[in-house]
Amino acid sequence: MKEKEYPAKEGYDVFKKKIFALTGIDLNIYKYQIHRRVHTLMRNWNISDYDEYYRLIENDEDRRREFLDYITINVTEFFRNPSRWEFLKDKIFPELKALVNNGNKLTFVSAGCSSGEEPYSLAIQAMEARLPFEVIALDIDEGVLKKAKEGIYKQEQLVNINDKVKARYFEKIGEGIYKVKNEVKSKVAFRRFNLLKDPLPKNVHLVLCRNVVIYFSAETKNKLYSNFNKILVDGGYLMLGPTEQIFGYEHIGFSYVGFAFYKKVAEAKVASR
């Protein structure tokens, strides 16, 4: 199918509205690349009509799952980009631990948690550091949340975990198949959540939003980063993906500390600038 064979833009606008009503995903928040991803699936399925495309997504659960996975880019592994996790353990965790009094917990948010590798990685690392904590894991995709709650993964997804840690927090249930132990699961609460519409948790100490906003428009990114800043406690941190950055972060109320980490600046200091 050639690009010129696609329907008029008006058809795509209607399609986006229907997808939003069906899934809660607003395709308008993405940059133009997402339009090409939609067209790639249409080509793969030999469809050139938006109405036909929508009906297929609406009525075929497998096709809807393929559409959502392709659009929301649900690809991850445990401790992805290990150097960032080392920085989190060595630099960020000690600072965060100093923010809570005895008996209180640190609150971590995994925004766009996909199939659970990220929030479970965070829980494992916090358990290894003996921190008092809870992880709130958010994603709009019910399918990946179901998989995350099951906590079953392939050996390849655990490639960044040494055997000692693997034995401590995972149970081998088959050849090359591992399940997260209940003691880790109990630390993570999964919720279906629209990052741009639903109210975020408050008094958060650390937000992870990694490789989630790659196709978002600049305006949407800034809105989301500003919302994250508002829910963080003073001295709290936002962790992005290794290729992501916040332009004008100081105007939002962050300072940059390296390795894709941004620290919330006290409100008084921001106001005095």
C-alpha atoms as a PDB file:
ATOM      1  CA  MET A   1       0.000   0.000   0.000  1.00  0.00           C
ATOM      2  CA  LYS A   2       1.475   3.346  -0.986  1.00  0.00           C
ATOM      3  CA  GLU A   3       1.156   6.455   1.143  1.00  0.00           C
ATOM      4  CA  LYS A   4      -1.092   8.175  -1.409  1.00  0.00           C
ATOM      5  CA  GLU A   5      -3.611   5.354  -1.122  1.00  0.00           C
ATOM      6  CA  TYR A   6      -4.451   6.219   2.489  1.00  0.00           C
ATOM      7  CA  PRO A   7      -7.797   7.933   3.151  1.00  0.00           C
ATOM      8  CA  ALA A   8      -8.138  11.665   3.632  1.00  0.00           C
ATOM      9  CA  LYS A   9      -7.006  13.284   6.892  1.00  0.00           C
ATOM     10  CA  GLU A  10     -10.637  13.738   7.941  1.00  0.00           C
ATOM     11  CA  GLY A  11     -10.974   9.982   8.191  1.00  0.00           C
ATOM     12  CA  TYR A  12      -7.993   9.821  10.506  1.00  0.00           C
ATOM     13  CA  ASP A  13      -9.460  12.533  12.747  1.00  0.00           C
ATOM     14  CA  VAL A  14     -12.657  10.496  13.191  1.00  0.00           C
ATOM     15  CA  PHE A  15     -10.583   7.362  13.755  1.00  0.00           C
ATOM     16  CA  LYS A  16      -8.626   9.074  16.553  1.00  0.00           C
ATOM     17  CA  LYS A  17     -11.842  10.096  18.304  1.00  0.00           C
ATOM     18  CA  LYS A  18     -13.171   6.548  18.168  1.00  0.00           C
ATOM     19  CA  ILE A  19      -9.894   5.117  19.470  1.00  0.00           C
ATOM     20  CA  PHE A  20      -9.963   7.561  22.367  1.00  0.00           C
ATOM     21  CA  ALA A  21     -13.516   6.514  23.259  1.00  0.00           C
ATOM     22  CA  LEU A  22     -12.613   2.815  23.019  1.00  0.00           C
ATOM     23  CA  THR A  23      -9.205   2.728  24.725  1.00  0.00           C
ATOM     24  CA  GLY A  24      -8.688   6.073  26.484  1.00  0.00           C
ATOM     25  CA  ILE A  25      -5.568   6.688  24.383  1.00  0.00           C
ATOM     26  CA  ASP A  26      -5.512  10.156  22.819  1.00  0.00           C
ATOM     27  CA  LEU A  27      -3.483   9.923  19.617  1.00  0.00           C
ATOM     28  CA  ASN A  28      -3.475  13.721  19.396  1.00  0.00           C
ATOM     29  CA  ILE A  29      -0.839  13.920  22.133  1.00  0.00           C
ATOM     30  CA  TYR A  30       1.710  12.209  19.899  1.00  0.00           C
ATOM     31  CA  LYS A  31       3.946  13.683  17.266  1.00  0.00           C
ATOM     32  CA  TYR A  32       3.447  12.839  13.594  1.00  0.00           C
ATOM     33  CA  GLN A  33       5.465   9.614  13.890  1.00  0.00           C
ATOM     34  CA  ILE A  34       2.485   7.921  15.518  1.00  0.00           C
ATOM     35  CA  HIS A  35       0.459   8.491  12.339  1.00  0.00           C
ATOM     36  CA  ARG A  36       3.061   6.503  10.438  1.00  0.00           C
ATOM     37  CA  ARG A  37       2.894   3.714  13.020  1.00  0.00           C
ATOM     38  CA  VAL A  38      -0.858   3.513  12.504  1.00  0.00           C
ATOM     39  CA  HIS A  39      -0.329   3.300   8.760  1.00  0.00           C
ATOM     40  CA  THR A  40       2.284   0.586   9.177  1.00  0.00           C
ATOM     41  CA  LEU A  41      -0.248  -1.627  10.944  1.00  0.00           C
ATOM     42  CA  MET A  42      -2.857  -0.845   8.300  1.00  0.00           C
ATOM     43  CA  ARG A  43      -0.383  -1.936   5.657  1.00  0.00           C
ATOM     44  CA  ASN A  44       0.469  -5.105   7.575  1.00  0.00           C
ATOM     45  CA  TRP A  45      -3.203  -5.990   7.847  1.00  0.00           C
ATOM     46  CA  ASN A  46      -3.915  -5.043   4.215  1.00  0.00           C
ATOM     47  CA  ILE A  47      -6.448  -2.371   5.205  1.00  0.00           C
ATOM     48  CA  SER A  48      -6.822   1.026   3.534  1.00  0.00           C
ATOM     49  CA  ASP A  49     -10.022   2.288   5.170  1.00  0.00           C
ATOM     50  CA  TYR A  50     -10.085   3.836   8.655  1.00  0.00           C
ATOM     51  CA  ASP A  51     -13.612   2.644   9.409  1.00  0.00           C
ATOM     52  CA  GLU A  52     -12.682  -0.939   8.559  1.00  0.00           C
ATOM     53  CA  TYR A  53      -9.513  -0.567  10.607  1.00  0.00           C
ATOM     54  CA  TYR A  54     -11.433   0.673  13.651  1.00  0.00           C
ATOM     55  CA  ARG A  55     -14.043  -2.104  13.414  1.00  0.00           C
ATOM     56  CA  LEU A  56     -11.268  -4.682  13.402  1.00  0.00           C
ATOM     57  CA  ILE A  57      -9.650  -3.151  16.494  1.00  0.00           C
ATOM     58  CA  GLU A  58     -13.028  -2.864  18.221  1.00  0.00           C
ATOM     59  CA  ASN A  59     -14.185  -6.427  17.585  1.00  0.00           C
ATOM     60  CA  ASP A  60     -10.987  -8.485  17.560  1.00  0.00           C
ATOM     61  CA  GLU A  61      -9.264  -8.596  20.951  1.00  0.00           C
ATOM     62  CA  ASP A  62      -5.995  -9.950  19.525  1.00  0.00           C
ATOM     63  CA  ARG A  63      -5.834  -7.173  16.927  1.00  0.00           C
ATOM     64  CA  ARG A  64      -6.652  -4.588  19.583  1.00  0.00           C
ATOM     65  CA  ARG A  65      -3.795  -5.923  21.729  1.00  0.00           C
ATOM     66  CA  GLU A  66      -1.409  -5.773  18.764  1.00  0.00           C
ATOM     67  CA  PHE A  67      -2.523  -2.202  18.046  1.00  0.00           C
ATOM     68  CA  LEU A  68      -2.039  -1.084  21.666  1.00  0.00           C
ATOM     69  CA  ASP A  69       1.332  -2.795  22.003  1.00  0.00           C
ATOM     70  CA  TYR A  70       2.585  -1.217  18.786  1.00  0.00           C
ATOM     71  CA  ILE A  71       1.286   2.253  19.622  1.00  0.00           C
ATOM     72  CA  THR A  72       2.370   2.325  23.265  1.00  0.00           C
ATOM     73  CA  ILE A  73       5.694   0.556  22.588  1.00  0.00           C
ATOM     74  CA  ASN A  74       5.576  -2.038  25.377  1.00  0.00           C
ATOM     75  CA  VAL A  75       9.140  -3.342  25.154  1.00  0.00           C
ATOM     76  CA  THR A  76      11.275  -3.562  28.282  1.00  0.00           C
ATOM     77  CA  GLU A  77      13.455  -5.709  30.535  1.00  0.00           C
ATOM     78  CA  PHE A  78      14.531  -5.761  34.165  1.00  0.00           C
ATOM     79  CA  PHE A  79      17.049  -3.056  35.118  1.00  0.00           C
ATOM     80  CA  ARG A  80      17.121  -1.659  31.603  1.00  0.00           C
ATOM     81  CA  ASN A  81      20.155   0.661  31.215  1.00  0.00           C
ATOM     82  CA  PRO A  82      22.017  -0.738  34.266  1.00  0.00           C
ATOM     83  CA  SER A  83      24.231   2.332  34.809  1.00  0.00           C
ATOM     84  CA  ARG A  84      21.121   4.416  35.547  1.00  0.00           C
ATOM     85  CA  TRP A  85      20.006   1.930  38.189  1.00  0.00           C
ATOM     86  CA  GLU A  86      23.457   1.990  39.765  1.00  0.00           C
ATOM     87  CA  PHE A  87      23.229   5.782  39.982  1.00  0.00           C
ATOM     88  CA  LEU A  88      19.788   5.454  41.547  1.00  0.00           C
ATOM     89  CA  LYS A  89      21.121   3.055  44.179  1.00  0.00           C
ATOM     90  CA  ASP A  90      24.333   4.916  45.002  1.00  0.00           C
ATOM     91  CA  LYS A  91      23.293   8.571  44.665  1.00  0.00           C
ATOM     92  CA  ILE A  92      19.512   8.929  44.824  1.00  0.00           C
ATOM     93  CA  PHE A  93      18.412   6.334  47.387  1.00  0.00           C
ATOM     94  CA  PRO A  94      20.564   7.737  50.234  1.00  0.00           C
ATOM     95  CA  GLU A  95      19.102  11.209  49.664  1.00  0.00           C
ATOM     96  CA  LEU A  96      15.546   9.909  49.535  1.00  0.00           C
ATOM     97  CA  LYS A  97      15.999   7.847  52.686  1.00  0.00           C
ATOM     98  CA  ALA A  98      16.914  11.054  54.518  1.00  0.00           C
ATOM     99  CA  LEU A  99      13.557  12.580  53.535  1.00  0.00           C
ATOM    100  CA  VAL A 100      11.411  10.197  55.602  1.00  0.00           C
ATOM    101  CA  ASN A 101      11.066   9.861  59.354  1.00  0.00           C
ATOM    102  CA  ASN A 102      10.974   6.593  61.221  1.00  0.00           C
ATOM    103  CA  GLY A 103       7.785   4.690  60.437  1.00  0.00           C
ATOM    104  CA  ASN A 104       7.080   6.536  57.183  1.00  0.00           C
ATOM    105  CA  LYS A 105       7.426   5.083  53.700  1.00  0.00           C
ATOM    106  CA  LEU A 106       8.936   6.407  50.525  1.00  0.00           C
ATOM    107  CA  THR A 107       6.425   6.540  47.684  1.00  0.00           C
ATOM    108  CA  PHE A 108       7.671   5.636  44.212  1.00  0.00           C
ATOM    109  CA  VAL A 109       5.658   5.935  40.997  1.00  0.00           C
ATOM    110  CA  SER A 110       6.345   4.008  37.802  1.00  0.00           C
ATOM    111  CA  ALA A 111       4.505   6.041  35.157  1.00  0.00           C
ATOM    112  CA  GLY A 112       3.907   3.933  32.071  1.00  0.00           C
ATOM    113  CA  CYS A 113       4.896   0.710  33.829  1.00  0.00           C
ATOM    114  CA  SER A 114       4.119  -1.569  30.863  1.00  0.00           C
ATOM    115  CA  SER A 115       4.320  -5.277  31.760  1.00  0.00           C
ATOM    116  CA  GLY A 116       5.912  -4.727  35.152  1.00  0.00           C
ATOM    117  CA  GLU A 117       9.662  -5.062  34.647  1.00  0.00           C
ATOM    118  CA  GLU A 118      10.356  -1.474  35.715  1.00  0.00           C
ATOM    119  CA  PRO A 119       8.307  -1.319  38.951  1.00  0.00           C
ATOM    120  CA  TYR A 120       9.510  -4.768  40.001  1.00  0.00           C
ATOM    121  CA  SER A 121      13.109  -3.691  39.313  1.00  0.00           C
ATOM    122  CA  LEU A 122      12.521  -0.639  41.476  1.00  0.00           C
ATOM    123  CA  ALA A 123      11.011  -2.743  44.272  1.00  0.00           C
ATOM    124  CA  ILE A 124      13.885  -5.240  44.173  1.00  0.00           C
ATOM    125  CA  GLN A 125      16.502  -2.507  44.318  1.00  0.00           C
ATOM    126  CA  ALA A 126      14.715  -0.755  47.197  1.00  0.00           C
ATOM    127  CA  MET A 127      14.439  -4.061  49.075  1.00  0.00           C
ATOM    128  CA  GLU A 128      18.157  -4.660  48.558  1.00  0.00           C
ATOM    129  CA  ALA A 129      18.791  -1.172  49.985  1.00  0.00           C
ATOM    130  CA  ARG A 130      16.483  -1.926  52.945  1.00  0.00           C
ATOM    131  CA  LEU A 131      14.297   1.093  52.280  1.00  0.00           C
ATOM    132  CA  PRO A 132      10.749   1.538  53.636  1.00  0.00           C
ATOM    133  CA  PHE A 133       8.727   2.054  50.455  1.00  0.00           C
ATOM    134  CA  GLU A 134       5.745   1.410  48.233  1.00  0.00           C
ATOM    135  CA  VAL A 135       5.595   1.404  44.428  1.00  0.00           C
ATOM    136  CA  ILE A 136       2.549   2.653  42.530  1.00  0.00           C
ATOM    137  CA  ALA A 137       2.680   1.352  38.957  1.00  0.00           C
ATOM    138  CA  LEU A 138       0.520   3.104  36.359  1.00  0.00           C
ATOM    139  CA  ASP A 139      -0.396   2.209  32.781  1.00  0.00           C
ATOM    140  CA  ILE A 140      -3.352   2.766  30.489  1.00  0.00           C
ATOM    141  CA  ASP A 141      -3.127  -0.667  28.870  1.00  0.00           C
ATOM    142  CA  GLU A 142      -5.196  -3.279  30.730  1.00  0.00           C
ATOM    143  CA  GLY A 143      -3.498  -6.116  28.861  1.00  0.00           C
ATOM    144  CA  VAL A 144       0.025  -5.280  30.023  1.00  0.00           C
ATOM    145  CA  LEU A 145      -1.229  -4.613  33.558  1.00  0.00           C
ATOM    146  CA  LYS A 146      -2.690  -8.108  33.675  1.00  0.00           C
ATOM    147  CA  LYS A 147       0.652  -9.527  32.571  1.00  0.00           C
ATOM    148  CA  ALA A 148       2.458  -7.371  35.124  1.00  0.00           C
ATOM    149  CA  LYS A 149       0.302  -8.667  37.980  1.00  0.00           C
ATOM    150  CA  GLU A 150       1.056 -12.248  36.930  1.00  0.00           C
ATOM    151  CA  GLY A 151       4.770 -11.443  37.143  1.00  0.00           C
ATOM    152  CA  ILE A 152       5.971 -14.200  34.796  1.00  0.00           C
ATOM    153  CA  TYR A 153       8.978 -13.460  32.573  1.00  0.00           C
ATOM    154  CA  LYS A 154      11.458 -15.112  30.245  1.00  0.00           C
ATOM    155  CA  GLN A 155      15.109 -15.614  31.044  1.00  0.00           C
ATOM    156  CA  GLU A 156      16.096 -13.018  28.417  1.00  0.00           C
ATOM    157  CA  GLN A 157      14.236 -10.315  30.339  1.00  0.00           C
ATOM    158  CA  LEU A 158      16.349 -11.032  33.449  1.00  0.00           C
ATOM    159  CA  VAL A 159      19.695 -10.692  31.682  1.00  0.00           C
ATOM    160  CA  ASN A 160      20.766  -7.744  33.894  1.00  0.00           C
ATOM    161  CA  ILE A 161      20.136  -9.640  37.154  1.00  0.00           C
ATOM    162  CA  ASN A 162      22.882 -11.746  38.744  1.00  0.00           C
ATOM    163  CA  ASP A 163      22.146 -15.272  39.936  1.00  0.00           C
ATOM    164  CA  LYS A 164      22.179 -14.348  43.624  1.00  0.00           C
ATOM    165  CA  VAL A 165      19.535 -11.628  43.269  1.00  0.00           C
ATOM    166  CA  LYS A 166      17.548 -13.780  40.857  1.00  0.00           C
ATOM    167  CA  ALA A 167      17.363 -16.620  43.366  1.00  0.00           C
ATOM    168  CA  ARG A 168      16.284 -14.209  46.102  1.00  0.00           C
ATOM    169  CA  TYR A 169      13.399 -12.565  44.278  1.00  0.00           C
ATOM    170  CA  PHE A 170      12.337 -14.991  41.520  1.00  0.00           C
ATOM    171  CA  GLU A 171      11.021 -18.519  41.376  1.00  0.00           C
ATOM    172  CA  LYS A 172      11.909 -20.704  38.394  1.00  0.00           C
ATOM    173  CA  ILE A 173       8.691 -22.273  37.148  1.00  0.00           C
ATOM    174  CA  GLY A 174       9.837 -23.736  33.850  1.00  0.00           C
ATOM    175  CA  GLU A 175      12.694 -23.943  31.395  1.00  0.00           C
ATOM    176  CA  GLY A 176      13.822 -20.333  31.006  1.00  0.00           C
ATOM    177  CA  ILE A 177      10.664 -19.045  32.767  1.00  0.00           C
ATOM    178  CA  TYR A 178      10.668 -17.153  36.073  1.00  0.00           C
ATOM    179  CA  LYS A 179       7.986 -15.733  38.368  1.00  0.00           C
ATOM    180  CA  VAL A 180       8.398 -12.760  40.685  1.00  0.00           C
ATOM    181  CA  LYS A 181       8.046 -13.834  44.301  1.00  0.00           C
ATOM    182  CA  ASN A 182       5.095 -12.639  46.355  1.00  0.00           C
ATOM    183  CA  GLU A 183       7.290 -10.607  48.700  1.00  0.00           C
ATOM    184  CA  VAL A 184       8.163  -8.366  45.735  1.00  0.00           C
ATOM    185  CA  LYS A 185       4.629  -8.315  44.354  1.00  0.00           C
ATOM    186  CA  SER A 186       3.285  -7.149  47.713  1.00  0.00           C
ATOM    187  CA  LYS A 187       5.339  -3.961  47.374  1.00  0.00           C
ATOM    188  CA  VAL A 188       3.814  -2.951  44.021  1.00  0.00           C
ATOM    189  CA  ALA A 189       0.259  -1.705  43.399  1.00  0.00           C
ATOM    190  CA  PHE A 190      -0.778  -1.699  39.723  1.00  0.00           C
ATOM    191  CA  ARG A 191      -3.456   0.710  38.486  1.00  0.00           C
ATOM    192  CA  ARG A 192      -5.027   1.407  35.114  1.00  0.00           C
ATOM    193  CA  PHE A 193      -4.286   5.087  34.626  1.00  0.00           C
ATOM    194  CA  ASN A 194      -4.274   7.829  31.999  1.00  0.00           C
ATOM    195  CA  LEU A 195      -1.221   9.989  32.723  1.00  0.00           C
ATOM    196  CA  LEU A 196      -2.691  13.069  31.083  1.00  0.00           C
ATOM    197  CA  LYS A 197      -6.206  12.850  32.461  1.00  0.00           C
ATOM    198  CA  ASP A 198      -6.292  11.091  35.824  1.00  0.00           C
ATOM    199  CA  PRO A 199      -5.088  12.767  39.056  1.00  0.00           C
ATOM    200  CA  LEU A 200      -1.599  11.591  40.005  1.00  0.00           C
ATOM    201  CA  PRO A 201      -0.721  10.375  43.511  1.00  0.00           C
ATOM    202  CA  LYS A 202       0.598  13.075  45.842  1.00  0.00           C
ATOM    203  CA  ASN A 203       3.656  13.398  48.091  1.00  0.00           C
ATOM    204  CA  VAL A 204       5.781  11.219  45.854  1.00  0.00           C
ATOM    205  CA  HIS A 205       9.529  10.835  46.384  1.00  0.00           C
ATOM    206  CA  LEU A 206      10.526   9.354  43.029  1.00  0.00           C
ATOM    207  CA  VAL A 207       8.828   9.176  39.620  1.00  0.00           C
ATOM    208  CA  LEU A 208      10.124   6.900  36.884  1.00  0.00           C
ATOM    209  CA  CYS A 209       8.855   7.805  33.424  1.00  0.00           C
ATOM    210  CA  ARG A 210      11.274   6.126  31.045  1.00  0.00           C
ATOM    211  CA  ASN A 211      10.866   5.741  27.295  1.00  0.00           C
ATOM    212  CA  VAL A 212       7.180   6.621  27.609  1.00  0.00           C
ATOM    213  CA  VAL A 213       6.933  10.076  26.041  1.00  0.00           C
ATOM    214  CA  ILE A 214       9.208   9.527  23.039  1.00  0.00           C
ATOM    215  CA  TYR A 215       6.394  10.238  20.564  1.00  0.00           C
ATOM    216  CA  PHE A 216       4.611  12.897  22.627  1.00  0.00           C
ATOM    217  CA  SER A 217       4.521  16.460  21.372  1.00  0.00           C
ATOM    218  CA  ALA A 218       6.728  19.016  23.152  1.00  0.00           C
ATOM    219  CA  GLU A 219       3.655  20.669  24.650  1.00  0.00           C
ATOM    220  CA  THR A 220       2.361  17.372  26.039  1.00  0.00           C
ATOM    221  CA  LYS A 221       5.761  16.475  27.463  1.00  0.00           C
ATOM    222  CA  ASN A 222       6.060  19.796  29.289  1.00  0.00           C
ATOM    223  CA  LYS A 223       2.571  19.420  30.724  1.00  0.00           C
ATOM    224  CA  LEU A 224       3.412  15.949  32.017  1.00  0.00           C
ATOM    225  CA  TYR A 225       6.771  16.999  33.468  1.00  0.00           C
ATOM    226  CA  SER A 226       5.101  19.930  35.206  1.00  0.00           C
ATOM    227  CA  ASN A 227       2.497  17.583  36.679  1.00  0.00           C
ATOM    228  CA  PHE A 228       5.252  15.309  37.957  1.00  0.00           C
ATOM    229  CA  ASN A 229       6.977  18.262  39.590  1.00  0.00           C
ATOM    230  CA  LYS A 230       3.769  19.191  41.415  1.00  0.00           C
ATOM    231  CA  ILE A 231       3.337  15.760  43.009  1.00  0.00           C
ATOM    232  CA  LEU A 232       6.963  15.378  44.087  1.00  0.00           C
ATOM    233  CA  VAL A 233       8.036  16.401  47.570  1.00  0.00           C
ATOM    234  CA  ASP A 234      10.840  18.971  47.759  1.00  0.00           C
ATOM    235  CA  GLY A 235      14.031  17.072  47.026  1.00  0.00           C
ATOM    236  CA  GLY A 236      12.165  14.331  45.169  1.00  0.00           C
ATOM    237  CA  TYR A 237      13.386  12.984  41.847  1.00  0.00           C
ATOM    238  CA  LEU A 238      12.153  12.339  38.314  1.00  0.00           C
ATOM    239  CA  MET A 239      13.976   9.661  36.318  1.00  0.00           C
ATOM    240  CA  LEU A 240      13.665   9.694  32.521  1.00  0.00           C
ATOM    241  CA  GLY A 241      14.996   7.403  29.813  1.00  0.00           C
ATOM    242  CA  PRO A 242      18.651   7.787  28.781  1.00  0.00           C
ATOM    243  CA  THR A 243      17.816   9.624  25.546  1.00  0.00           C
ATOM    244  CA  GLU A 244      15.168  11.912  27.065  1.00  0.00           C
ATOM    245  CA  GLN A 245      15.680  15.388  28.483  1.00  0.00           C
ATOM    246  CA  ILE A 246      13.653  18.341  29.741  1.00  0.00           C
ATOM    247  CA  PHE A 247      14.326  21.583  27.916  1.00  0.00           C
ATOM    248  CA  GLY A 248      13.937  24.534  30.270  1.00  0.00           C
ATOM    249  CA  TYR A 249      13.769  22.252  33.314  1.00  0.00           C
ATOM    250  CA  GLU A 250      14.642  25.132  35.657  1.00  0.00           C
ATOM    251  CA  HIS A 251      11.411  26.929  34.695  1.00  0.00           C
ATOM    252  CA  ILE A 252       9.394  23.863  35.696  1.00  0.00           C
ATOM    253  CA  GLY A 253      11.149  23.644  39.067  1.00  0.00           C
ATOM    254  CA  PHE A 254      13.841  21.025  38.482  1.00  0.00           C
ATOM    255  CA  SER A 255      17.604  20.896  38.662  1.00  0.00           C
ATOM    256  CA  TYR A 256      19.530  18.375  36.580  1.00  0.00           C
ATOM    257  CA  VAL A 257      21.798  15.972  38.465  1.00  0.00           C
ATOM    258  CA  GLY A 258      22.931  13.675  35.655  1.00  0.00           C
ATOM    259  CA  PHE A 259      22.055  10.261  34.209  1.00  0.00           C
ATOM    260  CA  ALA A 260      18.563  11.492  33.206  1.00  0.00           C
ATOM    261  CA  PHE A 261      17.646  12.407  36.813  1.00  0.00           C
ATOM    262  CA  TYR A 262      15.941  15.685  37.682  1.00  0.00           C
ATOM    263  CA  LYS A 263      15.574  16.888  41.269  1.00  0.00           C
ATOM    264  CA  LYS A 264      12.669  19.002  42.441  1.00  0.00           C
ATOM    265  CA  VAL A 265      13.820  22.396  43.678  1.00  0.00           C
ATOM    266  CA  ALA A 266      12.140  23.805  46.791  1.00  0.00           C
ATOM    267  CA  GLU A 267       9.247  26.082  45.804  1.00  0.00           C
ATOM    268  CA  ALA A 268      10.750  29.049  47.628  1.00  0.00           C
ATOM    269  CA  LYS A 269      13.905  28.818  45.538  1.00  0.00           C
ATOM    270  CA  VAL A 270      11.922  28.632  42.310  1.00  0.00           C
ATOM    271  CA  ALA A 271       9.824  31.658  43.282  1.00  0.00           C
ATOM    272  CA  SER A 272      12.956  33.704  44.063  1.00  0.00           C
ATOM    273  CA  ARG A 273      14.433  33.316  40.570  1.00  0.00           C
END
